[in-house]
Amino acid sequence: MKIKNLKELKNKEVKELEKMVSKLRLELTKNQVKIAGGKEKNLKVTWTLKKELAQILTIIKTKI
């Protein structure tokens, strides 16, 4: 996620960010199942999803 996107996320409300977190968690789970099944070869996708998830959760904690 680029710095520009992070600045946009900081302007969003907590509810919107929580929706994004739930979507990212679902996407992360699906990707991990693909990797375990041998269908997904690109492991970096999981790494980037985890990183984005952590960044959004950090923004939520700073807002509360």
Protein backbone atom coordinates (compact mmCIF):
# COMPACT_ATOMS: atom_id res chain seq x y z
CA MET A 1 0.00 0.00 0.00
CA LYS A 2 1.42 3.33 -0.98
CA ILE A 3 1.75 6.33 1.30
CA LYS A 4 -0.92 8.17 -0.68
CA ASN A 5 -3.38 5.35 0.01
CA LEU A 6 -2.51 5.38 3.70
CA LYS A 7 -3.30 9.07 3.92
CA GLU A 8 -6.68 8.41 2.30
CA LEU A 9 -7.36 5.62 4.78
CA LYS A 10 -6.64 7.93 7.71
CA ASN A 11 -9.51 10.14 6.54
CA LYS A 12 -12.05 7.30 6.49
CA GLU A 13 -14.35 6.41 9.36
CA VAL A 14 -13.72 3.45 11.64
CA LYS A 15 -16.73 1.52 10.30
CA GLU A 16 -15.42 1.74 6.75
CA LEU A 17 -12.00 0.58 7.89
CA GLU A 18 -13.54 -2.36 9.77
CA LYS A 19 -15.33 -3.41 6.58
CA MET A 20 -12.02 -3.31 4.75
CA VAL A 21 -10.43 -5.42 7.50
CA SER A 22 -13.10 -8.09 7.19
CA LYS A 23 -12.69 -8.20 3.39
CA LEU A 24 -8.91 -8.46 3.70
CA ARG A 25 -9.18 -11.27 6.26
CA LEU A 26 -11.51 -13.20 3.98
CA GLU A 27 -9.19 -12.66 1.02
CA LEU A 28 -6.21 -13.72 3.12
CA THR A 29 -7.95 -16.92 4.17
CA LYS A 30 -8.87 -17.77 0.60
CA ASN A 31 -5.31 -17.15 -0.53
CA GLN A 32 -3.86 -19.33 2.22
CA VAL A 33 -6.18 -22.17 1.19
CA LYS A 34 -5.01 -21.80 -2.41
CA ILE A 35 -1.38 -21.94 -1.29
CA ALA A 36 -2.01 -25.02 0.85
CA GLY A 37 -3.75 -26.70 -2.07
CA GLY A 38 -0.90 -25.88 -4.42
CA LYS A 39 -2.99 -23.68 -6.70
CA GLU A 40 -1.27 -20.41 -5.82
CA LYS A 41 2.41 -20.05 -6.58
CA ASN A 42 2.85 -16.38 -5.65
CA LEU A 43 3.54 -16.29 -1.91
CA LYS A 44 4.14 -12.55 -1.91
CA VAL A 45 0.39 -11.94 -2.22
CA THR A 46 -0.12 -13.30 1.29
CA TRP A 47 2.68 -11.14 2.62
CA THR A 48 1.20 -7.96 1.11
CA LEU A 49 -2.28 -8.81 2.41
CA LYS A 50 -0.92 -9.26 5.93
CA LYS A 51 0.96 -5.97 5.67
CA GLU A 52 -2.12 -4.05 4.48
CA LEU A 53 -4.21 -5.63 7.22
CA ALA A 54 -1.70 -4.60 9.88
CA GLN A 55 -1.57 -1.04 8.55
CA ILE A 56 -5.35 -0.68 8.61
CA LEU A 57 -5.59 -2.14 12.11
CA THR A 58 -2.96 0.34 13.26
CA ILE A 59 -4.97 3.23 11.83
CA ILE A 60 -8.10 1.96 13.60
CA LYS A 61 -6.27 1.75 16.95
CA THR A 62 -4.95 5.30 16.61
CA LYS A 63 -8.46 6.60 15.94
CA ILE A 64 -9.99 4.96 19.01
